């Protein structure tokens, strides 16, 4: 078992998940949001479900969402302003569940 370097405040950093494990961990939250039929941003789902951050946040969130699109779970339905505190109200994609996801045929 590798030794972990404590942070400056003396706590140990949270363990990082490998990308496939991280996707498996966040998918249920996106599937649940897709079933509702409401519009959502990635940040809203991550915040409301208290999802872990990936090891490479700049790329992994987008890759995850695109994989959910390819799987037929969600679809793009517009743009909105970011509600992320560090997002500076930049434009972000808005998603909703596909008809199949809303009907429970895809999870």
N, C-alpha and C. Protein backbone atom coordinates (compact mmCIF):
# COMPACT_ATOMS: atom_id res chain seq x y z
N UNK A 1 0.85 -1.18 0.00
CA UNK A 1 0.00 0.00 0.00
C UNK A 1 0.90 1.24 0.00
N UNK A 2 0.70 2.15 -0.96
CA UNK A 2 1.56 3.34 -1.02
C UNK A 2 1.26 4.29 0.14
N UNK A 3 2.28 4.99 0.55
CA UNK A 3 2.16 5.96 1.64
C UNK A 3 1.56 7.25 1.06
N UNK A 4 0.58 7.84 1.77
CA UNK A 4 -0.03 9.09 1.33
C UNK A 4 0.55 10.25 2.11
N UNK A 5 0.87 11.30 1.38
CA UNK A 5 1.38 12.52 1.99
C UNK A 5 0.21 13.31 2.56
N UNK A 6 0.22 13.65 3.85
CA UNK A 6 -0.87 14.46 4.40
C UNK A 6 -0.85 15.88 3.81
N UNK A 7 -2.02 16.50 3.79
CA UNK A 7 -2.10 17.89 3.33
C UNK A 7 -1.53 18.80 4.41
N UNK A 8 -1.45 20.09 4.13
CA UNK A 8 -0.85 21.02 5.07
C UNK A 8 -1.62 21.10 6.40
N UNK A 9 -2.93 20.82 6.37
CA UNK A 9 -3.69 20.87 7.62
C UNK A 9 -3.63 19.54 8.37
N UNK A 10 -2.86 18.57 7.88
CA UNK A 10 -2.66 17.31 8.56
C UNK A 10 -3.61 16.20 8.17
N UNK A 11 -4.62 16.50 7.34
CA UNK A 11 -5.56 15.47 6.93
C UNK A 11 -5.02 14.74 5.70
N UNK A 12 -5.50 13.54 5.50
CA UNK A 12 -5.11 12.79 4.31
C UNK A 12 -6.03 13.18 3.16
N UNK A 13 -5.49 13.29 1.95
CA UNK A 13 -6.34 13.64 0.82
C UNK A 13 -7.32 12.50 0.52
N UNK A 14 -8.44 12.87 -0.07
CA UNK A 14 -9.43 11.87 -0.45
C UNK A 14 -8.83 10.97 -1.52
N UNK A 15 -9.10 9.67 -1.45
CA UNK A 15 -8.56 8.78 -2.47
C UNK A 15 -9.16 9.11 -3.83
N UNK A 16 -8.37 9.02 -4.87
CA UNK A 16 -8.86 9.31 -6.21
C UNK A 16 -9.34 8.02 -6.85
N UNK A 17 -10.40 8.14 -7.62
CA UNK A 17 -10.96 7.00 -8.32
C UNK A 17 -10.39 6.96 -9.73
N UNK A 18 -10.13 5.79 -10.24
CA UNK A 18 -9.77 5.64 -11.64
C UNK A 18 -10.99 6.00 -12.47
N UNK A 19 -10.78 6.45 -13.71
CA UNK A 19 -11.88 6.93 -14.55
C UNK A 19 -13.04 5.93 -14.67
N UNK A 20 -12.80 4.64 -14.98
CA UNK A 20 -13.95 3.72 -15.09
C UNK A 20 -14.74 3.58 -13.79
N UNK A 21 -14.04 3.57 -12.66
CA UNK A 21 -14.73 3.49 -11.36
C UNK A 21 -15.52 4.76 -11.08
N UNK A 22 -14.95 5.90 -11.46
CA UNK A 22 -15.62 7.18 -11.26
C UNK A 22 -16.90 7.25 -12.09
N UNK A 23 -16.83 6.81 -13.35
CA UNK A 23 -18.02 6.80 -14.22
C UNK A 23 -19.11 5.92 -13.60
N UNK A 24 -18.73 4.74 -13.12
CA UNK A 24 -19.71 3.86 -12.48
C UNK A 24 -20.34 4.51 -11.26
N UNK A 25 -19.58 5.33 -10.57
CA UNK A 25 -20.08 5.99 -9.35
C UNK A 25 -21.04 7.14 -9.67
N UNK A 26 -20.80 7.88 -10.77
CA UNK A 26 -21.64 9.04 -11.07
C UNK A 26 -22.84 8.72 -11.95
N UNK A 27 -22.79 7.62 -12.70
CA UNK A 27 -23.87 7.31 -13.65
C UNK A 27 -25.25 7.22 -12.99
N UNK A 28 -25.42 6.60 -11.82
CA UNK A 28 -26.77 6.52 -11.23
C UNK A 28 -27.40 7.90 -10.99
N UNK A 29 -26.61 8.89 -10.64
CA UNK A 29 -27.16 10.23 -10.41
C UNK A 29 -27.67 10.83 -11.72
N UNK A 30 -26.93 10.63 -12.80
CA UNK A 30 -27.36 11.15 -14.10
C UNK A 30 -28.56 10.36 -14.63
N UNK A 31 -28.59 9.05 -14.37
CA UNK A 31 -29.74 8.24 -14.79
C UNK A 31 -31.00 8.68 -14.05
N UNK A 32 -30.87 8.97 -12.76
CA UNK A 32 -32.02 9.44 -11.98
C UNK A 32 -32.51 10.78 -12.50
N UNK A 33 -31.59 11.68 -12.82
CA UNK A 33 -31.98 12.99 -13.37
C UNK A 33 -32.63 12.83 -14.74
N UNK A 34 -32.12 11.90 -15.54
CA UNK A 34 -32.67 11.68 -16.88
C UNK A 34 -34.10 11.16 -16.79
N UNK A 35 -34.40 10.33 -15.81
CA UNK A 35 -35.76 9.78 -15.66
C UNK A 35 -36.79 10.86 -15.33
N UNK A 36 -36.34 11.97 -14.71
CA UNK A 36 -37.30 13.01 -14.32
C UNK A 36 -37.82 13.80 -15.51
N UNK A 37 -37.05 13.86 -16.59
CA UNK A 37 -37.46 14.64 -17.76
C UNK A 37 -37.17 16.13 -17.62
N UNK A 38 -36.64 16.57 -16.49
CA UNK A 38 -36.35 18.00 -16.33
C UNK A 38 -34.99 18.33 -16.95
N UNK A 39 -34.78 19.60 -17.22
CA UNK A 39 -33.51 20.08 -17.77
C UNK A 39 -32.51 20.25 -16.63
N UNK A 40 -31.22 19.97 -16.91
CA UNK A 40 -30.20 20.09 -15.88
C UNK A 40 -28.84 20.35 -16.49
N UNK A 41 -27.95 20.89 -15.67
CA UNK A 41 -26.55 21.04 -16.06
C UNK A 41 -25.74 20.00 -15.30
N UNK A 42 -24.57 19.73 -15.78
CA UNK A 42 -23.69 18.76 -15.12
C UNK A 42 -23.39 19.20 -13.70
N UNK A 43 -23.12 20.48 -13.50
CA UNK A 43 -22.79 20.96 -12.17
C UNK A 43 -23.94 20.76 -11.19
N UNK A 44 -25.18 20.99 -11.65
CA UNK A 44 -26.34 20.81 -10.76
C UNK A 44 -26.42 19.37 -10.26
N UNK A 45 -26.21 18.43 -11.16
CA UNK A 45 -26.27 17.01 -10.76
C UNK A 45 -25.12 16.69 -9.81
N UNK A 46 -23.92 17.16 -10.15
CA UNK A 46 -22.75 16.88 -9.30
C UNK A 46 -22.93 17.47 -7.91
N UNK A 47 -23.47 18.67 -7.84
CA UNK A 47 -23.66 19.33 -6.54
C UNK A 47 -24.77 18.67 -5.73
N UNK A 48 -25.92 18.45 -6.35
CA UNK A 48 -27.07 17.89 -5.64
C UNK A 48 -26.83 16.46 -5.17
N UNK A 49 -26.08 15.69 -5.95
CA UNK A 49 -25.82 14.29 -5.58
C UNK A 49 -24.49 14.13 -4.84
N UNK A 50 -23.80 15.24 -4.59
CA UNK A 50 -22.52 15.22 -3.90
C UNK A 50 -21.55 14.24 -4.56
N UNK A 51 -21.41 14.37 -5.88
CA UNK A 51 -20.56 13.47 -6.65
C UNK A 51 -19.08 13.82 -6.45
N UNK A 52 -18.22 12.82 -6.48
CA UNK A 52 -16.79 13.08 -6.33
C UNK A 52 -16.22 13.75 -7.58
N UNK A 53 -15.19 14.53 -7.39
CA UNK A 53 -14.49 15.14 -8.53
C UNK A 53 -13.61 14.08 -9.18
N UNK A 54 -13.50 14.13 -10.50
CA UNK A 54 -12.60 13.19 -11.18
C UNK A 54 -11.14 13.63 -11.03
N UNK A 55 -10.22 12.78 -11.45
CA UNK A 55 -8.81 13.14 -11.36
C UNK A 55 -8.45 14.25 -12.34
N UNK A 56 -9.17 14.35 -13.45
CA UNK A 56 -8.92 15.40 -14.44
C UNK A 56 -10.24 16.11 -14.74
N UNK A 57 -10.67 17.03 -13.86
CA UNK A 57 -12.00 17.64 -14.01
C UNK A 57 -12.20 18.38 -15.32
N UNK A 58 -11.16 18.98 -15.87
CA UNK A 58 -11.33 19.76 -17.10
C UNK A 58 -11.76 18.90 -18.27
N UNK A 59 -11.38 17.63 -18.28
CA UNK A 59 -11.73 16.75 -19.39
C UNK A 59 -12.77 15.69 -19.01
N UNK A 60 -12.68 15.17 -17.79
CA UNK A 60 -13.48 14.01 -17.44
C UNK A 60 -14.97 14.27 -17.35
N UNK A 61 -15.39 15.45 -16.87
CA UNK A 61 -16.83 15.73 -16.82
C UNK A 61 -17.42 15.72 -18.23
N UNK A 62 -16.75 16.37 -19.15
CA UNK A 62 -17.23 16.40 -20.53
C UNK A 62 -17.23 15.03 -21.17
N UNK A 63 -16.18 14.25 -20.91
CA UNK A 63 -16.12 12.89 -21.46
C UNK A 63 -17.24 12.02 -20.89
N UNK A 64 -17.52 12.18 -19.61
CA UNK A 64 -18.58 11.40 -18.98
C UNK A 64 -19.94 11.72 -19.60
N UNK A 65 -20.23 13.01 -19.73
CA UNK A 65 -21.51 13.42 -20.29
C UNK A 65 -21.65 12.94 -21.73
N UNK A 66 -20.58 13.04 -22.49
CA UNK A 66 -20.65 12.56 -23.89
C UNK A 66 -20.85 11.05 -23.95
N UNK A 67 -20.31 10.32 -23.00
CA UNK A 67 -20.56 8.87 -22.99
C UNK A 67 -22.02 8.58 -22.66
N UNK A 68 -22.63 9.40 -21.78
CA UNK A 68 -24.05 9.23 -21.48
C UNK A 68 -24.91 9.56 -22.71
N UNK A 69 -24.46 10.53 -23.51
CA UNK A 69 -25.16 10.87 -24.76
C UNK A 69 -25.07 9.68 -25.72
N UNK A 70 -23.85 9.14 -25.89
CA UNK A 70 -23.67 8.00 -26.80
C UNK A 70 -24.48 6.78 -26.35
N UNK A 71 -24.66 6.62 -25.05
CA UNK A 71 -25.45 5.50 -24.52
C UNK A 71 -26.95 5.72 -24.66
N UNK A 72 -27.36 6.92 -25.09
CA UNK A 72 -28.78 7.21 -25.26
C UNK A 72 -29.48 7.58 -23.97
N UNK A 73 -28.71 7.93 -22.93
CA UNK A 73 -29.29 8.28 -21.64
C UNK A 73 -29.78 9.72 -21.61
N UNK A 74 -28.97 10.66 -22.13
CA UNK A 74 -29.33 12.08 -22.12
C UNK A 74 -29.12 12.67 -23.51
N UNK A 75 -29.71 13.86 -23.70
CA UNK A 75 -29.55 14.58 -24.96
C UNK A 75 -29.39 16.07 -24.66
N UNK A 76 -28.70 16.75 -25.55
CA UNK A 76 -28.48 18.18 -25.40
C UNK A 76 -29.77 18.92 -25.72
N UNK A 77 -30.13 19.92 -24.92
CA UNK A 77 -31.37 20.65 -25.18
C UNK A 77 -31.21 22.16 -25.04
N UNK A 78 -29.98 22.66 -25.02
CA UNK A 78 -29.78 24.10 -24.97
C UNK A 78 -28.57 24.51 -24.17
N UNK A 79 -28.52 25.80 -23.88
CA UNK A 79 -27.43 26.38 -23.11
C UNK A 79 -28.00 27.26 -22.00
N UNK A 80 -27.20 27.45 -20.96
CA UNK A 80 -27.58 28.32 -19.85
C UNK A 80 -26.31 28.91 -19.28
N UNK A 81 -26.45 29.76 -18.29
CA UNK A 81 -25.29 30.31 -17.59
C UNK A 81 -24.90 29.39 -16.46
N UNK A 82 -23.62 29.22 -16.25
CA UNK A 82 -23.12 28.34 -15.21
C UNK A 82 -23.51 28.85 -13.83
N UNK A 83 -23.93 27.93 -12.95
CA UNK A 83 -24.20 28.29 -11.57
C UNK A 83 -23.02 27.89 -10.67
N UNK A 84 -21.98 27.31 -11.27
CA UNK A 84 -20.78 26.94 -10.51
C UNK A 84 -20.13 28.21 -9.97
N UNK A 85 -19.77 28.24 -8.70
CA UNK A 85 -19.18 29.46 -8.12
C UNK A 85 -17.95 29.97 -8.87
N UNK A 86 -17.17 29.06 -9.43
CA UNK A 86 -15.97 29.48 -10.16
C UNK A 86 -16.22 29.60 -11.65
N UNK A 87 -17.45 29.43 -12.09
CA UNK A 87 -17.78 29.41 -13.51
C UNK A 87 -17.92 30.77 -14.16
N UNK A 88 -17.96 31.82 -13.37
CA UNK A 88 -18.09 33.19 -13.89
C UNK A 88 -19.27 33.34 -14.84
N UNK A 89 -20.32 32.58 -14.59
CA UNK A 89 -21.56 32.64 -15.38
C UNK A 89 -21.32 32.40 -16.87
N UNK A 90 -20.35 31.57 -17.19
CA UNK A 90 -20.09 31.24 -18.58
C UNK A 90 -21.18 30.32 -19.11
N UNK A 91 -21.25 30.19 -20.42
CA UNK A 91 -22.26 29.33 -21.05
C UNK A 91 -21.92 27.86 -20.81
N UNK A 92 -22.94 27.09 -20.45
CA UNK A 92 -22.78 25.65 -20.26
C UNK A 92 -23.93 24.93 -20.95
N UNK A 93 -23.70 23.69 -21.30
CA UNK A 93 -24.74 22.88 -21.94
C UNK A 93 -25.81 22.49 -20.93
N UNK A 94 -27.02 22.39 -21.43
CA UNK A 94 -28.15 21.92 -20.64
C UNK A 94 -28.60 20.59 -21.25
N UNK A 95 -28.91 19.63 -20.39
CA UNK A 95 -29.24 18.28 -20.80
C UNK A 95 -30.61 17.89 -20.29
N UNK A 96 -31.18 16.85 -20.89
CA UNK A 96 -32.40 16.23 -20.38
C UNK A 96 -32.34 14.75 -20.77
N UNK A 97 -33.14 13.97 -20.09
CA UNK A 97 -33.19 12.54 -20.40
C UNK A 97 -33.85 12.30 -21.74
N UNK A 98 -33.38 11.30 -22.45
CA UNK A 98 -34.01 10.92 -23.72
C UNK A 98 -35.37 10.29 -23.43
N UNK A 99 -36.17 10.10 -24.45
CA UNK A 99 -37.47 9.46 -24.25
C UNK A 99 -37.32 8.06 -23.66
N UNK A 100 -36.30 7.35 -24.12
CA UNK A 100 -36.06 6.00 -23.59
C UNK A 100 -35.69 6.06 -22.12
N UNK A 101 -34.89 7.03 -21.72
CA UNK A 101 -34.50 7.16 -20.31
C UNK A 101 -35.71 7.55 -19.45
N UNK A 102 -36.54 8.46 -19.97
CA UNK A 102 -37.72 8.89 -19.21
C UNK A 102 -38.71 7.74 -19.06
N UNK A 103 -38.73 6.84 -20.03
CA UNK A 103 -39.63 5.68 -19.96
C UNK A 103 -39.03 4.53 -19.16
N UNK A 104 -37.78 4.68 -18.72
CA UNK A 104 -37.14 3.64 -17.92
C UNK A 104 -36.53 2.52 -18.73
N UNK A 105 -36.39 2.70 -20.05
CA UNK A 105 -35.80 1.65 -20.88
C UNK A 105 -34.29 1.70 -20.89
N UNK A 106 -33.70 2.82 -20.44
CA UNK A 106 -32.23 2.97 -20.38
C UNK A 106 -31.89 3.49 -18.99
N UNK A 107 -30.85 2.92 -18.41
CA UNK A 107 -30.40 3.39 -17.08
C UNK A 107 -28.90 3.53 -17.05
